[in-house]
C-alpha atoms as a PDB file:
ATOM      1  CA  ILE A   1     136.403  84.252 102.536  1.00  0.00           C
ATOM      2  CA  LEU A   2     136.898  87.515 100.699  1.00  0.00           C
ATOM      3  CA  MET A   3     136.165  87.869  97.015  1.00  0.00           C
ATOM      4  CA  SER A   4     138.381  89.804  94.660  1.00  0.00           C
ATOM      5  CA  THR A   5     136.919  92.805  92.761  1.00  0.00           C
ATOM      6  CA  GLN A   6     137.068  90.881  89.468  1.00  0.00           C
ATOM      7  CA  GLY A   7     135.350  87.833  91.025  1.00  0.00           C
ATOM      8  CA  TYR A   8     132.675  90.105  92.494  1.00  0.00           C
ATOM      9  CA  LYS A   9     132.018  91.758  89.125  1.00  0.00           C
ATOM     10  CA  GLU A  10     131.741  88.278  87.381  1.00  0.00           C
ATOM     11  CA  ALA A  11     129.321  86.992  90.058  1.00  0.00           C
ATOM     12  CA  SER A  12     127.351  90.168  89.832  1.00  0.00           C
ATOM     13  CA  LYS A  13     127.080  89.936  86.029  1.00  0.00           C
ATOM     14  CA  ARG A  14     125.939  86.256  86.282  1.00  0.00           C
ATOM     15  CA  THR A  15     123.171  87.009  88.796  1.00  0.00           C
ATOM     16  CA  ALA A  16     122.044  90.351  87.391  1.00  0.00           C
ATOM     17  CA  PRO A  17     118.466  90.390  85.940  1.00  0.00           C
ATOM     18  CA  LYS A  18     118.362  89.750  82.245  1.00  0.00           C
ATOM     19  CA  LYS A  19     117.230  92.374  79.751  1.00  0.00           C
ATOM     20  CA  GLY A  20     113.745  92.357  78.342  1.00  0.00           C
ATOM     21  CA  THR A  21     111.823  93.357  81.422  1.00  0.00           C
ATOM     22  CA  LEU A  22     109.222  95.042  79.287  1.00  0.00           C
ATOM     23  CA  GLY A  23     108.372  91.796  77.547  1.00  0.00           C
ATOM     24  CA  LYS A  24     108.336  89.973  80.914  1.00  0.00           C
ATOM     25  CA  ALA A  25     106.012  92.584  82.397  1.00  0.00           C
ATOM     26  CA  LEU A  26     103.702  92.308  79.410  1.00  0.00           C
ATOM     27  CA  TRP A  27     103.666  88.497  79.610  1.00  0.00           C
ATOM     28  CA  ALA A  28     102.910  88.735  83.392  1.00  0.00           C
ATOM     29  CA  PHE A  29     100.140  91.180  82.672  1.00  0.00           C
ATOM     30  CA  VAL A  30      98.565  88.954  80.053  1.00  0.00           C
ATOM     31  CA  SER A  31      98.865  85.808  82.156  1.00  0.00           C
ATOM     32  CA  GLY A  32      97.391  87.596  85.163  1.00  0.00           C
ATOM     33  CA  GLY A  33      94.547  88.683  82.969  1.00  0.00           C
ATOM     34  CA  VAL A  34      93.955  85.100  81.860  1.00  0.00           C
ATOM     35  CA  MET A  35      93.909  84.062  85.545  1.00  0.00           C
ATOM     36  CA  GLY A  36      91.322  86.760  86.142  1.00  0.00           C
ATOM     37  CA  ILE A  37      89.241  85.566  83.176  1.00  0.00           C
ATOM     38  CA  ILE A  38      89.398  81.991  84.543  1.00  0.00           C
ATOM     39  CA  GLY A  39      88.291  83.206  87.925  1.00  0.00           C
ATOM     40  CA  GLN A  40      85.425  85.227  86.432  1.00  0.00           C
ATOM     41  CA  GLY A  41      84.412  82.198  84.321  1.00  0.00           C
ATOM     42  CA  LEU A  42      84.349  79.983  87.435  1.00  0.00           C
ATOM     43  CA  LEU A  43      82.331  82.650  89.327  1.00  0.00           C
ATOM     44  CA  THR A  44      79.835  82.867  86.451  1.00  0.00           C
ATOM     45  CA  MET A  45      79.627  79.111  86.168  1.00  0.00           C
ATOM     46  CA  TYR A  46      78.851  78.741  89.858  1.00  0.00           C
ATOM     47  CA  GLN A  47      76.208  81.463  89.647  1.00  0.00           C
ATOM     48  CA  GLN A  48      74.498  79.770  86.686  1.00  0.00           C
ATOM     49  CA  LEU A  49      74.808  76.194  87.769  1.00  0.00           C
ATOM     50  CA  LEU A  50      74.073  76.581  91.439  1.00  0.00           C
ATOM     51  CA  GLY A  51      71.818  79.627  91.225  1.00  0.00           C
ATOM     52  CA  LEU A  52      74.011  81.638  93.589  1.00  0.00           C
ATOM     53  CA  ASP A  53      74.539  85.389  93.667  1.00  0.00           C
ATOM     54  CA  ALA A  54      78.050  86.805  93.060  1.00  0.00           C
ATOM     55  CA  LYS A  55      78.923  86.964  96.829  1.00  0.00           C
ATOM     56  CA  ALA A  56      77.849  83.316  97.476  1.00  0.00           C
ATOM     57  CA  ALA A  57      79.554  82.080  94.344  1.00  0.00           C
ATOM     58  CA  ALA A  58      82.945  83.587  95.375  1.00  0.00           C
ATOM     59  CA  GLY A  59      83.547  80.887  97.951  1.00  0.00           C
ATOM     60  CA  PRO A  60      83.387  77.965  95.549  1.00  0.00           C
ATOM     61  CA  MET A  61      85.343  79.885  92.966  1.00  0.00           C
ATOM     62  CA  VAL A  62      88.244  80.522  95.382  1.00  0.00           C
ATOM     63  CA  ILE A  63      88.165  76.906  96.538  1.00  0.00           C
ATOM     64  CA  THR A  64      88.384  75.800  92.904  1.00  0.00           C
ATOM     65  CA  VAL A  65      91.346  78.059  92.163  1.00  0.00           C
ATOM     66  CA  VAL A  66      93.184  76.819  95.267  1.00  0.00           C
ATOM     67  CA  PHE A  67      92.456  73.205  94.367  1.00  0.00           C
ATOM     68  CA  ILE A  68      93.622  73.607  90.719  1.00  0.00           C
ATOM     69  CA  THR A  69      96.772  75.499  91.843  1.00  0.00           C
ATOM     70  CA  ALA A  70      97.605  72.827  94.517  1.00  0.00           C
ATOM     71  CA  LEU A  71      97.022  70.085  91.950  1.00  0.00           C
ATOM     72  CA  LEU A  72      99.228  71.781  89.316  1.00  0.00           C
ATOM     73  CA  THR A  73     101.945  72.434  91.988  1.00  0.00           C
ATOM     74  CA  GLY A  74     101.822  68.762  92.966  1.00  0.00           C
ATOM     75  CA  LEU A  75     102.223  67.711  89.381  1.00  0.00           C
ATOM     76  CA  GLY A  76     105.108  70.095  88.832  1.00  0.00           C
ATOM     77  CA  ILE A  77     103.211  72.076  86.210  1.00  0.00           C
ATOM     78  CA  TYR A  78     102.560  75.263  88.175  1.00  0.00           C
ATOM     79  CA  ASP A  79     106.235  75.983  88.733  1.00  0.00           C
ATOM     80  CA  LYS A  80     106.991  75.721  85.052  1.00  0.00           C
ATOM     81  CA  LEU A  81     104.053  78.033  84.249  1.00  0.00           C
ATOM     82  CA  ALA A  82     105.145  80.522  86.936  1.00  0.00           C
ATOM     83  CA  GLN A  83     108.684  80.658  85.497  1.00  0.00           C
ATOM     84  CA  LYS A  84     107.197  81.639  82.208  1.00  0.00           C
ATOM     85  CA  CYS A  85     104.322  83.905  83.452  1.00  0.00           C
ATOM     86  CA  GLY A  86     106.157  85.488  86.433  1.00  0.00           C
ATOM     87  CA  ALA A  87     104.052  87.599  88.741  1.00  0.00           C
ATOM     88  CA  GLY A  88     100.960  87.047  86.579  1.00  0.00           C
ATOM     89  CA  LEU A  89     100.276  83.721  88.300  1.00  0.00           C
ATOM     90  CA  PHE A  90     101.110  84.775  91.853  1.00  0.00           C
ATOM     91  CA  ILE A  91      97.886  86.655  92.437  1.00  0.00           C
ATOM     92  CA  PRO A  92      97.245  86.331  96.143  1.00  0.00           C
ATOM     93  CA  ILE A  93      95.108  83.148  96.239  1.00  0.00           C
ATOM     94  CA  SER A  94      97.035  81.041  93.715  1.00  0.00           C
ATOM     95  CA  GLY A  95     100.420  82.177  95.089  1.00  0.00           C
ATOM     96  CA  PHE A  96      99.278  81.324  98.613  1.00  0.00           C
ATOM     97  CA  ALA A  97      98.117  77.850  97.488  1.00  0.00           C
ATOM     98  CA  ASN A  98     101.308  77.249  95.676  1.00  0.00           C
ATOM     99  CA  SER A  99     103.469  78.200  98.716  1.00  0.00           C
ATOM    100  CA  LEU A 100     101.430  75.992 101.040  1.00  0.00           C
ATOM    101  CA  THR A 101     101.562  73.019  98.634  1.00  0.00           C
ATOM    102  CA  SER A 102     105.266  73.380  97.867  1.00  0.00           C
ATOM    103  CA  CYS A 103     106.216  73.459 101.514  1.00  0.00           C
ATOM    104  CA  ALA A 104     103.873  70.526 102.277  1.00  0.00           C
ATOM    105  CA  MET A 105     105.525  68.484  99.544  1.00  0.00           C
ATOM    106  CA  GLU A 106     108.954  69.342 100.859  1.00  0.00           C
ATOM    107  CA  GLY A 107     108.192  67.997 104.293  1.00  0.00           C
ATOM    108  CA  ARG A 108     106.185  64.892 103.286  1.00  0.00           C
ATOM    109  CA  SER A 109     109.108  62.531 103.844  1.00  0.00           C
ATOM    110  CA  GLU A 110     109.091  63.425 107.575  1.00  0.00           C
ATOM    111  CA  GLY A 111     105.470  62.434 108.110  1.00  0.00           C
ATOM    112  CA  PRO A 112     102.178  64.223 108.404  1.00  0.00           C
ATOM    113  CA  ILE A 113     102.946  66.044 111.790  1.00  0.00           C
ATOM    114  CA  TYR A 114     106.639  66.930 111.779  1.00  0.00           C
ATOM    115  CA  GLY A 115     106.944  67.116 108.110  1.00  0.00           C
ATOM    116  CA  ILE A 116     103.841  68.368 106.345  1.00  0.00           C
ATOM    117  CA  GLY A 117     102.204  70.047 109.338  1.00  0.00           C
ATOM    118  CA  SER A 118     105.317  71.888 110.466  1.00  0.00           C
ATOM    119  CA  THR A 119     106.636  73.017 107.105  1.00  0.00           C
ATOM    120  CA  MET A 120     103.371  73.792 105.396  1.00  0.00           C
ATOM    121  CA  PHE A 121     103.244  77.393 106.676  1.00  0.00           C
ATOM    122  CA  LYS A 122     106.950  78.042 106.388  1.00  0.00           C
ATOM    123  CA  LEU A 123     106.453  80.492 103.541  1.00  0.00           C
ATOM    124  CA  ALA A 124     102.822  81.391 104.112  1.00  0.00           C
ATOM    125  CA  GLY A 125     103.170  81.917 107.868  1.00  0.00           C
ATOM    126  CA  SER A 126     104.846  85.311 107.432  1.00  0.00           C
ATOM    127  CA  VAL A 127     102.181  86.375 105.001  1.00  0.00           C
ATOM    128  CA  LEU A 128      99.439  85.379 107.313  1.00  0.00           C
ATOM    129  CA  THR A 129     101.148  86.960 110.352  1.00  0.00           C
ATOM    130  CA  TYR A 130     101.782  90.384 108.710  1.00  0.00           C
ATOM    131  CA  GLY A 131      98.496  90.252 106.881  1.00  0.00           C
ATOM    132  CA  ILE A 132      96.536  89.810 110.051  1.00  0.00           C
ATOM    133  CA  ALA A 133      98.601  92.337 111.944  1.00  0.00           C
ATOM    134  CA  THR A 134      98.092  94.941 109.141  1.00  0.00           C
ATOM    135  CA  ALA A 135      94.345  94.210 108.932  1.00  0.00           C
ATOM    136  CA  TYR A 136      94.026  94.702 112.666  1.00  0.00           C
ATOM    137  CA  THR A 137      96.038  97.845 112.673  1.00  0.00           C
ATOM    138  CA  LEU A 138      94.044  99.328 109.742  1.00  0.00           C
ATOM    139  CA  GLY A 139      90.767  98.291 111.298  1.00  0.00           C
ATOM    140  CA  LEU A 140      91.768  99.923 114.590  1.00  0.00           C
ATOM    141  CA  LEU A 141      92.757 103.086 112.749  1.00  0.00           C
ATOM    142  CA  ARG A 142      89.521 103.138 110.845  1.00  0.00           C
ATOM    143  CA  TRP A 143      87.585 102.724 114.116  1.00  0.00           C
ATOM    144  CA  VAL A 144      89.504 105.576 115.733  1.00  0.00           C
ATOM    145  CA  VAL A 145      88.876 107.889 112.710  1.00  0.00           C
ATOM    146  CA  SER A 146      85.206 107.017 112.802  1.00  0.00           C
ATOM    147  CA  LEU A 147      85.058 108.193 116.437  1.00  0.00           C
ATOM    148  CA  LEU A 148      86.331 111.587 115.462  1.00  0.00           C
END
């Protein structure tokens, strides 16, 4: 079905990004900074409580961020925060946890195998695929350069 020029202009106007992108960018920057502070706080806490060095404390910190993100996604809180904070909350690890949890929740009515298991990586699968392919390609390129 073809759309008239007037209909296209109206649809375009309705879906165009709203003004105020500077304020949204600032809000995303601040919320991303808060996420970084929370991550650093968790890292420091694990270092102090468990007597770990920074490298060893990174694992528990990442697991905690993933758990909190998955929990907030399951409760419907993360999506509301993400609408307000924008890209500030979608740093790689929390965005990844949110996409896994959202897709898993979407497929839960179909059971653990055909529902949760098959839909869990619907969004994250492409990120994993291209992330692994890019890492392999760059690693291979680095190895070739080191031979020269």
